[in-house]
Amino acid sequence: MLLCIDCGNTNTVFSVWNGTDFIATWRMETNHQRTADEYFLWLSGMMRVQEIAGAITEVIISSTVPRVVFNLRVLSNRYFNCRPLVVGKPECRLPVEPRVDPGTTVGPDRLVNTVAGYDRHGGDIVVVDFGTATTFDVVASDGAYIGGVIAPGVNLSLEALHASAAALPHVDVTMPEKAIGTNTVACIQSGVFWGYIGLVEGVVRQIRLERDRPMKVIATGGLAELFSQGFDLFDSVEYDLTMHGLRLLNDYNKDLPA
């Protein structure tokens, strides 16, 4: 079985692929100080519950936090007896190389989402990922990542507002009943919600103008559903996009000649 690991700035997700389906998914807080032994102690307990402990033979890792990669490599080598494939490293080949400025390093999560989005929807798409940052990944007609946009994430914006303005409370993001808030919490919720609706609409509109062609918009990430309700922002909302891309990249690299 294949263990896919997606390490973001806030959470790390582990999913197990049995060759046909993802049969288990677990999430933990990202912590660069967590050791390989701690990862395994937690993971092995989860795997025993679903009776898949000892069945992992392959591991692929995507991490936006470089400091966690070492211990995830140790986890793979020590406990699963395999060399992990790490997205963004030279040993992990891509079906189509990114077309960006020389010397630019593209985030592994963005590469994975590009591969997954192209597989499911073809080229000329924009993948909007609502994570710690809200990212827009532009995929060309041949499946190449050709650039994008990075904006502060929704929860990051709320935390910054709360931290910088002592009188403003921390609130949960939700769709407000109306745009004009009549109390502080409602005002903040309206600003964040409608602000991000406007952000997505404006960025996508500009991308389409620059590309001068129809562009499908695919959303992923934990808050994608919130911003899709009642609006025609996205052609598709897909929560498993990153894991699908990791599985595809693992298969692609296995099929390459040694």
Protein backbone atom coordinates (compact mmCIF):
# COMPACT_ATOMS: atom_id res chain seq x y z
CA MET A 1 0.00 0.00 0.00
CA LEU A 2 1.00 3.61 -0.58
CA LEU A 3 1.18 6.17 2.23
CA CYS A 4 0.65 9.71 0.91
CA ILE A 5 1.80 12.51 3.22
CA ASP A 6 0.77 16.12 2.60
CA CYS A 7 2.47 18.46 5.07
CA GLY A 8 1.11 21.98 5.11
CA ASN A 9 1.95 24.93 7.32
CA THR A 10 -0.94 24.16 9.68
CA ASN A 11 -1.80 20.46 9.33
CA THR A 12 -0.23 17.27 8.02
CA VAL A 13 -2.50 14.74 6.33
CA PHE A 14 -1.72 11.03 5.96
CA SER A 15 -3.76 8.92 3.51
CA VAL A 16 -3.42 5.25 2.59
CA TRP A 17 -4.03 4.10 -1.00
CA ASN A 18 -4.66 0.37 -1.46
CA GLY A 19 -4.36 0.38 -5.24
CA THR A 20 -8.03 1.12 -5.79
CA ASP A 21 -9.17 3.59 -3.15
CA PHE A 22 -7.99 5.77 -0.31
CA ILE A 23 -9.04 3.60 2.62
CA ALA A 24 -7.91 5.80 5.53
CA THR A 25 -7.07 9.45 6.15
CA TRP A 26 -5.70 11.05 9.33
CA ARG A 27 -4.77 14.61 10.17
CA MET A 28 -2.40 16.04 12.76
CA GLU A 29 -0.95 19.46 13.56
CA THR A 30 2.29 20.24 11.71
CA ASN A 31 5.24 20.46 14.10
CA HIS A 32 8.80 20.51 12.78
CA GLN A 33 10.11 19.26 16.15
CA ARG A 34 8.13 16.00 15.97
CA THR A 35 10.51 13.04 15.59
CA ALA A 36 10.15 10.01 13.34
CA ASP A 37 9.44 7.89 16.42
CA GLU A 38 6.61 10.21 17.47
CA TYR A 39 5.13 10.10 13.99
CA PHE A 40 5.20 6.31 14.00
CA LEU A 41 3.79 5.95 17.50
CA TRP A 42 0.78 8.04 16.46
CA LEU A 43 0.43 6.51 13.00
CA SER A 44 0.77 2.91 14.13
CA GLY A 45 -2.06 3.40 16.60
CA MET A 46 -4.29 4.77 13.87
CA MET A 47 -3.33 1.98 11.49
CA ARG A 48 -4.03 -0.75 14.04
CA VAL A 49 -7.57 0.55 14.44
CA GLN A 50 -8.13 0.03 10.72
CA GLU A 51 -6.01 -3.13 10.55
CA ILE A 52 -3.52 -1.87 7.99
CA ALA A 53 -0.39 -1.68 10.14
CA GLY A 54 2.55 -3.32 8.38
CA ALA A 55 0.96 -3.06 4.94
CA ILE A 56 2.75 0.13 3.80
CA THR A 57 5.33 -0.52 1.07
CA GLU A 58 5.61 2.93 -0.55
CA VAL A 59 5.64 6.53 0.71
CA ILE A 60 5.34 9.84 -1.13
CA ILE A 61 5.74 13.20 0.63
CA SER A 62 4.72 16.74 -0.27
CA SER A 63 5.78 19.35 2.27
CA THR A 64 5.61 23.13 2.33
CA VAL A 65 7.59 23.02 5.61
CA PRO A 66 11.17 21.97 4.71
CA ARG A 67 12.18 21.24 8.32
CA VAL A 68 9.76 18.33 8.66
CA VAL A 69 10.99 16.44 5.60
CA PHE A 70 14.02 14.91 7.33
CA ASN A 71 11.98 13.18 10.04
CA LEU A 72 9.37 12.06 7.52
CA ARG A 73 12.20 10.49 5.49
CA VAL A 74 13.44 8.74 8.64
CA LEU A 75 9.89 7.54 9.34
CA SER A 76 9.70 5.98 5.90
CA ASN A 77 13.16 4.40 6.01
CA ARG A 78 13.03 3.13 9.58
CA TYR A 79 9.45 1.95 9.94
CA PHE A 80 8.25 1.22 6.40
CA ASN A 81 11.58 0.04 4.99
CA CYS A 82 11.33 2.15 1.86
CA ARG A 83 12.89 5.26 0.36
CA PRO A 84 10.20 7.95 0.12
CA LEU A 85 9.53 9.95 -3.01
CA VAL A 86 9.65 13.65 -2.12
CA VAL A 87 7.87 16.11 -4.42
CA GLY A 88 10.12 18.97 -5.43
CA LYS A 89 13.33 16.95 -5.16
CA PRO A 90 15.26 15.89 -8.30
CA GLU A 91 14.30 12.23 -7.88
CA CYS A 92 10.60 13.10 -8.22
CA ARG A 93 9.96 13.71 -11.91
CA LEU A 94 6.97 15.67 -13.19
CA PRO A 95 4.95 14.80 -16.31
CA VAL A 96 5.47 18.40 -17.54
CA GLU A 97 8.05 20.79 -16.09
CA PRO A 98 6.85 24.17 -14.74
CA ARG A 99 7.36 27.20 -16.94
CA VAL A 100 8.36 29.92 -14.48
CA ASP A 101 11.23 32.37 -14.03
CA PRO A 102 14.69 30.75 -13.84
CA GLY A 103 15.68 29.91 -10.28
CA THR A 104 12.09 29.95 -9.02
CA THR A 105 11.12 27.18 -6.62
CA VAL A 106 7.47 26.17 -6.94
CA GLY A 107 5.78 24.88 -3.79
CA PRO A 108 5.36 21.09 -3.80
CA ASP A 109 1.65 21.40 -2.99
CA ARG A 110 1.16 23.57 -6.07
CA LEU A 111 2.94 21.03 -8.28
CA VAL A 112 0.80 18.22 -6.90
CA ASN A 113 -2.43 20.16 -7.40
CA THR A 114 -1.37 20.97 -10.96
CA VAL A 115 -0.90 17.29 -11.78
CA ALA A 116 -4.20 16.31 -10.16
CA GLY A 117 -6.19 19.14 -11.72
CA TYR A 118 -4.86 18.39 -15.19
CA ASP A 119 -5.63 14.70 -14.82
CA ARG A 120 -9.25 15.36 -13.91
CA HIS A 121 -10.05 18.44 -15.97
CA GLY A 122 -7.43 18.84 -18.66
CA GLY A 123 -5.51 22.06 -19.23
CA ASP A 124 -6.46 25.72 -19.05
CA ILE A 125 -7.56 25.59 -15.42
CA VAL A 126 -7.06 27.58 -12.25
CA VAL A 127 -6.75 25.60 -9.00
CA VAL A 128 -7.77 27.64 -5.96
CA ASP A 129 -6.49 26.12 -2.71
CA PHE A 130 -7.88 27.50 0.54
CA GLY A 131 -5.09 26.67 2.95
CA THR A 132 -2.90 28.70 5.31
CA ALA A 133 -2.40 30.80 2.20
CA THR A 134 -5.02 31.08 -0.54
CA THR A 135 -3.23 30.11 -3.73
CA PHE A 136 -4.25 30.25 -7.38
CA ASP A 137 -2.35 27.84 -9.63
CA VAL A 138 -2.58 28.37 -13.38
CA VAL A 139 -2.26 25.24 -15.52
CA ALA A 140 -1.58 25.51 -19.26
CA SER A 141 -3.22 23.44 -21.98
CA ASP A 142 -0.37 20.88 -21.85
CA GLY A 143 -0.53 20.45 -18.06
CA ALA A 144 2.39 22.72 -17.14
CA TYR A 145 2.28 24.93 -14.08
CA ILE A 146 2.86 28.42 -15.47
CA GLY A 147 2.50 30.62 -12.40
CA GLY A 148 -0.17 31.87 -10.08
CA VAL A 149 -1.15 34.05 -7.17
CA ILE A 150 -0.55 33.82 -3.41
CA ALA A 151 -2.83 35.67 -0.99
CA PRO A 152 -3.13 35.46 2.81
CA GLY A 153 -5.35 32.60 3.91
CA VAL A 154 -8.75 33.21 5.46
CA ASN A 155 -7.84 32.09 8.98
CA LEU A 156 -4.49 33.86 8.76
CA SER A 157 -6.30 37.10 7.95
CA LEU A 158 -8.64 36.65 10.91
CA GLU A 159 -5.74 35.96 13.26
CA ALA A 160 -3.83 39.01 12.02
CA LEU A 161 -6.88 41.21 12.48
CA HIS A 162 -7.40 39.95 16.03
CA ALA A 163 -3.71 40.25 16.92
CA SER A 164 -3.29 43.77 15.53
CA ALA A 165 -6.51 45.33 16.77
CA ALA A 166 -6.92 44.77 20.51
CA ALA A 167 -10.59 45.71 20.54
CA LEU A 168 -11.56 43.19 17.85
CA PRO A 169 -12.46 39.64 18.90
CA HIS A 170 -11.37 36.45 17.17
CA VAL A 171 -14.31 35.06 15.18
CA ASP A 172 -15.01 31.96 13.12
CA VAL A 173 -15.43 32.48 9.41
CA THR A 174 -18.95 31.84 8.17
CA MET A 175 -21.36 33.14 5.56
CA PRO A 176 -23.14 36.15 7.11
CA GLU A 177 -26.88 36.65 6.76
CA LYS A 178 -26.30 40.07 5.19
CA ALA A 179 -23.41 42.25 4.10
CA ILE A 180 -24.09 45.09 6.54
CA GLY A 181 -23.14 43.87 10.00
CA THR A 182 -24.96 45.33 12.99
CA ASN A 183 -22.42 44.15 15.59
CA THR A 184 -18.65 43.72 15.66
CA VAL A 185 -18.61 39.98 15.04
CA ALA A 186 -21.02 40.26 12.12
CA CYS A 187 -18.96 43.10 10.64
CA ILE A 188 -15.78 41.04 10.74
CA GLN A 189 -17.48 37.95 9.31
CA SER A 190 -18.96 40.01 6.50
CA GLY A 191 -15.63 41.65 5.71
CA VAL A 192 -13.78 38.35 5.55
CA PHE A 193 -16.46 36.39 3.69
CA TRP A 194 -17.38 38.99 1.08
CA GLY A 195 -13.76 40.12 0.86
CA TYR A 196 -12.65 36.64 -0.16
CA ILE A 197 -15.55 36.23 -2.57
CA GLY A 198 -14.36 39.44 -4.21
CA LEU A 199 -10.75 38.27 -4.09
CA VAL A 200 -11.53 35.03 -5.93
CA GLU A 201 -13.73 36.75 -8.50
CA GLY A 202 -11.19 39.49 -9.15
CA VAL A 203 -8.12 37.26 -9.42
CA VAL A 204 -9.84 34.72 -11.66
CA ARG A 205 -11.20 37.49 -13.89
CA GLN A 206 -7.71 38.94 -14.31
CA ILE A 207 -6.18 35.53 -15.04
CA ARG A 208 -8.78 34.91 -17.74
CA LEU A 209 -8.05 38.31 -19.28
CA GLU A 210 -4.31 37.61 -19.37
CA ARG A 211 -4.75 34.10 -20.72
CA ASP A 212 -7.40 35.27 -23.21
CA ARG A 213 -9.24 31.96 -23.18
CA PRO A 214 -11.84 30.06 -21.12
CA MET A 215 -10.38 28.80 -17.83
CA LYS A 216 -12.10 26.31 -15.55
CA VAL A 217 -11.77 27.01 -11.84
CA ILE A 218 -11.24 24.11 -9.43
CA ALA A 219 -11.40 24.66 -5.66
CA THR A 220 -9.82 22.58 -2.93
CA GLY A 221 -8.90 23.02 0.73
CA GLY A 222 -10.88 23.07 3.94
CA LEU A 223 -12.84 26.28 3.27
CA ALA A 224 -13.64 25.60 -0.39
CA GLU A 225 -17.18 24.51 0.41
CA LEU A 226 -17.89 27.66 2.41
CA PHE A 227 -17.06 29.91 -0.54
CA SER A 228 -18.90 27.75 -3.07
CA GLN A 229 -22.33 27.82 -1.46
CA GLY A 230 -24.82 29.74 -3.55
CA PHE A 231 -22.17 31.18 -5.88
CA ASP A 232 -20.95 30.33 -9.35
CA LEU A 233 -17.28 30.75 -8.49
CA PHE A 234 -16.04 27.23 -9.19
CA ASP A 235 -16.60 24.57 -11.83
CA SER A 236 -15.74 21.89 -9.28
CA VAL A 237 -14.90 21.55 -5.56
CA GLU A 238 -12.58 18.62 -4.78
CA TYR A 239 -11.30 17.91 -1.28
CA ASP A 240 -9.08 14.97 -2.30
CA LEU A 241 -7.24 16.81 -5.07
CA THR A 242 -3.83 16.83 -3.37
CA MET A 243 -3.96 13.16 -2.39
CA HIS A 244 -5.05 12.28 -5.92
CA GLY A 245 -2.04 14.17 -7.27
CA LEU A 246 0.36 12.43 -4.89
CA ARG A 247 -0.93 9.04 -5.99
CA LEU A 248 -0.56 10.02 -9.67
CA LEU A 249 3.01 11.26 -9.16
CA ASN A 250 3.97 8.07 -7.36
CA ASP A 251 2.60 5.97 -10.23
CA TYR A 252 4.26 8.18 -12.84
CA ASN A 253 7.68 7.87 -11.23
CA LYS A 254 7.36 4.10 -10.80
CA ASP A 255 6.75 3.73 -14.53
CA LEU A 256 9.83 5.73 -15.54
CA PRO A 257 12.88 3.76 -16.64
CA ALA A 258 15.59 3.47 -13.99
